[in-house]
Amino acid sequence: MKVFMAALTLAALVLSGCGGKKTKIAQPATTLHAGETERGMASWYGPPYHGRPAADGEIYDMEKLVAAHRTLPFQTMVRVRNLSTNQTVDVRIIDRGPFVGGRIIDLSHAAAEQIGLIGPGVAQVELTILAAPANPEPALFGVQVGAFRDRTNADRAQQTLIAAYGAARIVERAGSPTPWRVLAGRETSQAGADQLSQRIRAEQKDMPEAFVVRLDP
């Protein structure tokens, strides 16, 4: 299975759907509650990100039970259940991703191994929040419109978004070559970011698959 960033293309990628039994777990930190669930596809990632800083600053060790999620606060504890095998693993969120359409979580190698994910590479899973972090960062959300290998293209997309929506940023992500993520907006709720993503998909014909991500300090 390829790492999640290696699967990035020059175009924006799709926000995965979810069918939680309660509310979606990708909510502002103040609304997180144990037991909330989300369903979607899981994948796993290892080299070349093993040994490099994760999005929260911790060094990513693919043999620890950790994971990446687009919107959950860092240090959230999540149980991941493989819906095909019913195997479960408990992971701690330390990174952002996956940035591949149709996926909701990227597991470490160790976590993927525990639920039988190594062979198939992806699987339909259910996430259940076990515990929210004690002191999460304030919740801010944006919309990822694309990831570019050419910084010039990223700059061009950023300027388009600033002109249309007032705010956009470029985030460098470790890789070879370096992917440049372009994020629009700065919303205080996921609902606001959802509305912005819908506007971008409708108004920017070259950004049809924008999806919501959490903006970290």
Protein backbone atom coordinates (compact mmCIF):
# COMPACT_ATOMS: atom_id res chain seq x y z
CA MET A 1 0.00 0.00 0.00
CA LYS A 2 1.37 3.38 -0.87
CA VAL A 3 1.57 6.14 1.68
CA PHE A 4 -1.22 8.61 1.60
CA MET A 5 0.79 11.54 0.31
CA ALA A 6 2.34 9.49 -2.49
CA ALA A 7 -1.14 9.09 -3.88
CA LEU A 8 -1.66 12.83 -4.32
CA THR A 9 -2.28 14.10 -7.82
CA LEU A 10 -2.09 17.62 -9.16
CA ALA A 11 -5.83 17.96 -8.83
CA ALA A 12 -7.89 18.19 -5.67
CA LEU A 13 -9.04 14.93 -4.12
CA VAL A 14 -12.42 13.85 -2.89
CA LEU A 15 -13.79 14.23 0.60
CA SER A 16 -14.86 10.81 1.74
CA GLY A 17 -18.45 10.26 2.80
CA CYS A 18 -19.40 8.90 6.16
CA GLY A 19 -22.39 7.15 7.58
CA GLY A 20 -22.03 7.42 11.32
CA LYS A 21 -24.63 5.92 13.58
CA LYS A 22 -24.69 9.17 15.58
CA THR A 23 -23.14 12.44 14.50
CA LYS A 24 -19.98 12.76 12.45
CA ILE A 25 -16.88 12.74 14.61
CA ALA A 26 -15.21 15.46 12.54
CA GLN A 27 -16.60 18.23 14.73
CA PRO A 28 -15.14 21.15 16.66
CA ALA A 29 -13.36 20.03 19.80
CA THR A 30 -16.09 21.41 22.07
CA THR A 31 -18.65 18.97 20.60
CA LEU A 32 -16.60 15.77 20.70
CA HIS A 33 -18.11 13.02 22.81
CA ALA A 34 -17.05 9.44 23.46
CA GLY A 35 -19.11 7.02 21.42
CA GLU A 36 -19.60 9.17 18.31
CA THR A 37 -18.87 7.25 15.13
CA GLU A 38 -17.93 7.63 11.49
CA ARG A 39 -17.71 5.11 8.66
CA GLY A 40 -15.56 5.15 5.55
CA MET A 41 -12.41 3.74 4.01
CA ALA A 42 -9.13 3.35 5.91
CA SER A 43 -5.63 3.04 4.48
CA TRP A 44 -2.14 2.96 6.02
CA TYR A 45 1.15 4.79 5.57
CA GLY A 46 4.79 4.09 6.31
CA PRO A 47 7.96 5.10 4.43
CA PRO A 48 8.98 7.78 3.59
CA TYR A 49 7.10 9.36 6.52
CA HIS A 50 8.47 6.98 9.16
CA GLY A 51 10.93 8.94 11.28
CA ARG A 52 9.68 12.35 10.13
CA PRO A 53 7.63 14.88 12.13
CA ALA A 54 3.89 14.31 12.04
CA ALA A 55 1.54 17.29 11.84
CA ASP A 56 1.48 17.66 15.64
CA GLY A 57 5.29 17.75 15.79
CA GLU A 58 5.71 14.23 17.14
CA ILE A 59 8.12 11.98 15.23
CA TYR A 60 6.03 9.50 13.29
CA ASP A 61 6.85 5.90 14.20
CA MET A 62 4.92 3.52 11.97
CA GLU A 63 5.26 0.76 14.59
CA LYS A 64 3.26 2.75 17.16
CA LEU A 65 -0.54 2.72 17.32
CA VAL A 66 -1.14 6.16 15.81
CA ALA A 67 -3.08 7.56 12.87
CA ALA A 68 -3.89 10.55 10.67
CA HIS A 69 -7.33 12.15 10.37
CA ARG A 70 -8.42 15.28 8.50
CA THR A 71 -10.34 17.04 11.27
CA LEU A 72 -10.10 15.34 14.67
CA PRO A 73 -8.02 17.18 17.30
CA PHE A 74 -4.55 15.79 17.95
CA GLN A 75 -4.41 13.25 20.79
CA THR A 76 -7.98 12.09 20.23
CA MET A 77 -8.20 8.36 20.97
CA VAL A 78 -10.15 6.41 18.37
CA ARG A 79 -11.16 2.76 18.01
CA VAL A 80 -11.01 1.53 14.42
CA ARG A 81 -13.06 -1.54 13.49
CA ASN A 82 -12.54 -3.36 10.20
CA LEU A 83 -16.11 -4.01 9.05
CA SER A 84 -15.02 -7.04 7.01
CA THR A 85 -13.18 -8.88 9.79
CA ASN A 86 -14.55 -7.21 12.95
CA GLN A 87 -10.97 -6.73 14.19
CA THR A 88 -10.34 -3.56 16.18
CA VAL A 89 -7.41 -1.37 17.14
CA ASP A 90 -7.18 1.75 19.32
CA VAL A 91 -5.10 4.60 17.89
CA ARG A 92 -4.08 8.13 18.82
CA ILE A 93 -4.46 10.93 16.25
CA ILE A 94 -1.14 12.72 15.62
CA ASP A 95 -1.22 13.57 11.92
CA ARG A 96 -3.36 14.98 9.12
CA GLY A 97 -4.68 12.96 6.22
CA PRO A 98 -5.58 10.95 4.28
CA PHE A 99 -5.59 13.28 1.29
CA VAL A 100 -6.99 10.61 -1.03
CA GLY A 101 -10.58 10.53 -2.16
CA GLY A 102 -12.94 8.21 -0.35
CA ARG A 103 -10.78 7.69 2.76
CA ILE A 104 -11.30 8.91 6.33
CA ILE A 105 -8.26 7.68 8.26
CA ASP A 106 -4.65 6.67 7.62
CA LEU A 107 -3.29 4.11 10.07
CA SER A 108 0.27 3.36 11.06
CA HIS A 109 1.76 0.06 9.90
CA ALA A 110 1.33 -1.43 13.38
CA ALA A 111 -2.33 -0.41 13.60
CA ALA A 112 -3.09 -1.63 10.08
CA GLU A 113 -1.51 -4.97 10.90
CA GLN A 114 -3.79 -5.46 13.89
CA ILE A 115 -6.97 -5.19 11.80
CA GLY A 116 -5.79 -7.11 8.72
CA LEU A 117 -5.26 -4.06 6.52
CA ILE A 118 -1.72 -4.70 5.28
CA GLY A 119 -2.65 -7.14 2.52
CA PRO A 120 -5.66 -5.40 0.96
CA GLY A 121 -4.26 -1.94 1.69
CA VAL A 122 -7.69 -0.39 2.24
CA ALA A 123 -10.83 -1.48 4.06
CA GLN A 124 -14.22 -0.18 5.11
CA VAL A 125 -14.03 0.74 8.78
CA GLU A 126 -16.00 2.27 11.61
CA LEU A 127 -14.32 4.85 13.84
CA THR A 128 -15.52 5.34 17.40
CA ILE A 129 -14.23 8.12 19.63
CA LEU A 130 -12.89 6.75 22.90
CA ALA A 131 -11.61 9.98 24.42
CA ALA A 132 -11.16 13.58 23.33
CA PRO A 133 -7.97 15.45 24.29
CA ALA A 134 -8.09 17.29 27.61
CA ASN A 135 -6.99 20.66 26.20
CA PRO A 136 -7.56 20.72 22.44
CA GLU A 137 -6.49 23.63 20.29
CA PRO A 138 -9.34 25.97 19.21
CA ALA A 139 -11.22 24.46 16.29
CA LEU A 140 -10.62 26.14 12.95
CA PHE A 141 -11.46 24.58 9.60
CA GLY A 142 -10.53 25.18 5.98
CA VAL A 143 -11.05 23.57 2.60
CA GLN A 144 -8.30 21.76 0.73
CA VAL A 145 -8.70 22.42 -2.98
CA GLY A 146 -5.61 20.66 -4.26
CA ALA A 147 -2.07 19.42 -3.71
CA PHE A 148 0.51 20.49 -6.26
CA ARG A 149 4.03 19.37 -7.08
CA ASP A 150 4.70 22.68 -8.81
CA ARG A 151 4.82 25.64 -6.39
CA THR A 152 3.86 28.01 -9.23
CA ASN A 153 0.55 26.18 -9.68
CA ALA A 154 -0.04 26.27 -5.92
CA ASP A 155 0.60 30.03 -5.88
CA ARG A 156 -1.83 30.52 -8.74
CA ALA A 157 -4.56 28.54 -6.96
CA GLN A 158 -3.94 30.49 -3.75
CA GLN A 159 -4.37 33.84 -5.49
CA THR A 160 -7.61 32.66 -7.11
CA LEU A 161 -8.98 31.65 -3.72
CA ILE A 162 -7.92 34.85 -1.98
CA ALA A 163 -9.65 36.92 -4.65
CA ALA A 164 -12.83 34.86 -4.43
CA TYR A 165 -13.07 33.97 -0.73
CA GLY A 166 -10.72 36.29 1.14
CA ALA A 167 -8.32 33.76 2.67
CA ALA A 168 -6.08 30.97 1.47
CA ARG A 169 -2.82 29.41 2.56
CA ILE A 170 -0.18 27.08 1.18
CA VAL A 171 1.09 24.26 3.39
CA GLU A 172 4.25 22.37 2.54
CA ARG A 173 4.17 18.64 3.23
CA ALA A 174 7.30 16.51 3.41
CA GLY A 175 7.76 14.31 0.37
CA SER A 176 9.82 13.76 -2.71
CA PRO A 177 8.91 15.80 -4.65
CA THR A 178 7.35 18.18 -2.12
CA PRO A 179 3.55 18.42 -2.40
CA TRP A 180 2.12 21.89 -1.75
CA ARG A 181 -1.38 21.77 -0.24
CA VAL A 182 -3.63 24.75 -0.94
CA LEU A 183 -6.25 25.53 1.69
CA ALA A 184 -9.05 28.09 1.50
CA GLY A 185 -10.96 29.80 4.30
CA ARG A 186 -10.65 29.98 8.06
CA GLU A 187 -13.95 28.88 9.60
CA THR A 188 -14.76 28.41 13.29
CA SER A 189 -17.09 25.48 12.60
CA GLN A 190 -17.06 22.49 10.32
CA ALA A 191 -20.53 23.47 9.09
CA GLY A 192 -19.10 26.77 7.84
CA ALA A 193 -16.26 24.95 6.10
CA ASP A 194 -18.74 22.50 4.56
CA GLN A 195 -20.66 25.44 3.07
CA LEU A 196 -17.44 26.94 1.72
CA SER A 197 -16.43 23.65 0.13
CA GLN A 198 -19.81 23.48 -1.61
CA ARG A 199 -19.36 27.03 -2.94
CA ILE A 200 -15.88 26.25 -4.23
CA ARG A 201 -17.00 23.09 -6.00
CA ALA A 202 -19.87 25.00 -7.62
CA GLU A 203 -17.97 28.16 -8.54
CA GLN A 204 -14.44 26.95 -9.33
CA LYS A 205 -14.76 24.46 -12.16
CA ASP A 206 -11.12 23.38 -11.85
CA MET A 207 -11.59 22.60 -8.12
CA PRO A 208 -14.47 20.10 -8.21
CA GLU A 209 -13.46 17.91 -5.29
CA ALA A 210 -12.59 20.31 -2.46
CA PHE A 211 -12.84 18.81 1.04
CA VAL A 212 -12.79 20.03 4.64
CA VAL A 213 -9.67 19.82 6.81
CA ARG A 214 -8.75 21.10 10.25
CA LEU A 215 -6.38 24.07 10.37
CA ASP A 216 -3.66 23.46 12.93
CA PRO A 217 -1.45 26.11 14.55
